[in-house]
Amino acid sequence: MTDDTLLKAAGIAGGIDALARHLRVPKKQLGSWMEGEVETPRTVSLRAVDFLRGAPAVRSAPLTSPTPLQAARARR
């Protein structure tokens, strides 16, 4: 089973290399944890969760309201 927390953290960090540097772990070992080959140590999991909690939230809604013309086009 893959480690979804590490997968999500890697996506936010910008890849495995960046996450490995942030978590201060070898990239090869991180890959093994992500693939589910070996169980992720609790300390690493907690650091990944801390990383995710500190990451900026991804917005699903637009930052600004649509103009009246954009709203009319969207209703078509």
C-alpha atoms as a PDB file:
ATOM      1  CA  MET A   1       0.000   0.000   0.000  1.00  0.00           C
ATOM      2  CA  THR A   2       1.334   3.436  -0.897  1.00  0.00           C
ATOM      3  CA  ASP A   3       1.795   6.185   1.672  1.00  0.00           C
ATOM      4  CA  ASP A   4      -0.788   8.756   0.575  1.00  0.00           C
ATOM      5  CA  THR A   5       0.485  11.375   3.021  1.00  0.00           C
ATOM      6  CA  LEU A   6       3.956  11.254   1.497  1.00  0.00           C
ATOM      7  CA  LEU A   7       2.534  11.258  -2.039  1.00  0.00           C
ATOM      8  CA  LYS A   8       0.480  14.353  -1.309  1.00  0.00           C
ATOM      9  CA  ALA A   9       3.413  16.061   0.419  1.00  0.00           C
ATOM     10  CA  ALA A  10       5.687  15.315  -2.541  1.00  0.00           C
ATOM     11  CA  GLY A  11       3.170  16.884  -4.900  1.00  0.00           C
ATOM     12  CA  ILE A  12       3.014  20.035  -2.818  1.00  0.00           C
ATOM     13  CA  ALA A  13       6.768  20.165  -2.174  1.00  0.00           C
ATOM     14  CA  GLY A  14       7.545  19.970  -5.880  1.00  0.00           C
ATOM     15  CA  GLY A  15       8.681  16.368  -6.115  1.00  0.00           C
ATOM     16  CA  ILE A  16      10.500  13.626  -4.282  1.00  0.00           C
ATOM     17  CA  ASP A  17      13.842  15.457  -4.248  1.00  0.00           C
ATOM     18  CA  ALA A  18      12.357  18.536  -2.591  1.00  0.00           C
ATOM     19  CA  LEU A  19      10.398  16.508  -0.047  1.00  0.00           C
ATOM     20  CA  ALA A  20      13.437  14.370   0.818  1.00  0.00           C
ATOM     21  CA  ARG A  21      15.429  17.542   1.506  1.00  0.00           C
ATOM     22  CA  HIS A  22      12.606  18.992   3.599  1.00  0.00           C
ATOM     23  CA  LEU A  23      12.153  15.803   5.652  1.00  0.00           C
ATOM     24  CA  ARG A  24      15.937  15.280   5.836  1.00  0.00           C
ATOM     25  CA  VAL A  25      15.781  11.694   4.575  1.00  0.00           C
ATOM     26  CA  PRO A  26      17.511   9.890   1.682  1.00  0.00           C
ATOM     27  CA  LYS A  27      15.567  10.116  -1.572  1.00  0.00           C
ATOM     28  CA  LYS A  28      15.819   6.367  -2.187  1.00  0.00           C
ATOM     29  CA  GLN A  29      14.390   5.589   1.256  1.00  0.00           C
ATOM     30  CA  LEU A  30      11.584   8.101   0.753  1.00  0.00           C
ATOM     31  CA  GLY A  31      10.696   6.380  -2.511  1.00  0.00           C
ATOM     32  CA  SER A  32      10.497   3.017  -0.717  1.00  0.00           C
ATOM     33  CA  TRP A  33       8.120   4.474   1.856  1.00  0.00           C
ATOM     34  CA  MET A  34       6.011   6.138  -0.824  1.00  0.00           C
ATOM     35  CA  GLU A  35       5.729   2.901  -2.794  1.00  0.00           C
ATOM     36  CA  GLY A  36       4.733   1.013   0.321  1.00  0.00           C
ATOM     37  CA  GLU A  37       7.739  -1.302   0.120  1.00  0.00           C
ATOM     38  CA  VAL A  38       8.534  -0.567   3.758  1.00  0.00           C
ATOM     39  CA  GLU A  39       6.469   1.061   6.463  1.00  0.00           C
ATOM     40  CA  THR A  40       7.073   4.775   6.913  1.00  0.00           C
ATOM     41  CA  PRO A  41       8.559   5.534  10.344  1.00  0.00           C
ATOM     42  CA  ARG A  42       6.184   7.427  12.586  1.00  0.00           C
ATOM     43  CA  THR A  43       8.612  10.337  12.984  1.00  0.00           C
ATOM     44  CA  VAL A  44       8.766  10.815   9.206  1.00  0.00           C
ATOM     45  CA  SER A  45       4.974  10.558   8.886  1.00  0.00           C
ATOM     46  CA  LEU A  46       4.558  13.229  11.561  1.00  0.00           C
ATOM     47  CA  ARG A  47       7.043  15.534   9.822  1.00  0.00           C
ATOM     48  CA  ALA A  48       5.139  15.048   6.555  1.00  0.00           C
ATOM     49  CA  VAL A  49       1.853  15.909   8.274  1.00  0.00           C
ATOM     50  CA  ASP A  50       3.461  19.002   9.803  1.00  0.00           C
ATOM     51  CA  PHE A  51       4.664  19.965   6.314  1.00  0.00           C
ATOM     52  CA  LEU A  52       1.153  19.543   4.894  1.00  0.00           C
ATOM     53  CA  ARG A  53      -0.411  21.561   7.706  1.00  0.00           C
ATOM     54  CA  GLY A  54       1.966  24.426   6.975  1.00  0.00           C
ATOM     55  CA  ALA A  55       1.449  24.333   3.214  1.00  0.00           C
ATOM     56  CA  PRO A  56      -0.767  27.008   1.680  1.00  0.00           C
ATOM     57  CA  ALA A  57      -4.318  25.817   1.088  1.00  0.00           C
ATOM     58  CA  VAL A  58      -5.228  25.059  -2.490  1.00  0.00           C
ATOM     59  CA  ARG A  59      -8.160  27.167  -3.523  1.00  0.00           C
ATOM     60  CA  SER A  60     -10.854  25.577  -5.597  1.00  0.00           C
ATOM     61  CA  ALA A  61     -12.847  28.789  -6.018  1.00  0.00           C
ATOM     62  CA  PRO A  62     -11.639  31.715  -8.110  1.00  0.00           C
ATOM     63  CA  LEU A  63      -9.857  34.497  -6.263  1.00  0.00           C
ATOM     64  CA  THR A  64     -12.117  37.129  -7.793  1.00  0.00           C
ATOM     65  CA  SER A  65     -15.758  37.239  -8.750  1.00  0.00           C
ATOM     66  CA  PRO A  66     -16.501  36.867 -12.443  1.00  0.00           C
ATOM     67  CA  THR A  67     -17.436  39.969 -14.381  1.00  0.00           C
ATOM     68  CA  PRO A  68     -21.065  40.202 -15.533  1.00  0.00           C
ATOM     69  CA  LEU A  69     -19.949  39.199 -19.058  1.00  0.00           C
ATOM     70  CA  GLN A  70     -18.061  36.137 -17.737  1.00  0.00           C
ATOM     71  CA  ALA A  71     -21.076  35.139 -15.627  1.00  0.00           C
ATOM     72  CA  ALA A  72     -23.390  35.402 -18.641  1.00  0.00           C
ATOM     73  CA  ARG A  73     -21.053  33.269 -20.757  1.00  0.00           C
ATOM     74  CA  ALA A  74     -20.815  30.641 -18.016  1.00  0.00           C
ATOM     75  CA  ARG A  75     -24.632  30.310 -17.940  1.00  0.00           C
ATOM     76  CA  ARG A  76     -24.800  29.425 -21.638  1.00  0.00           C
END
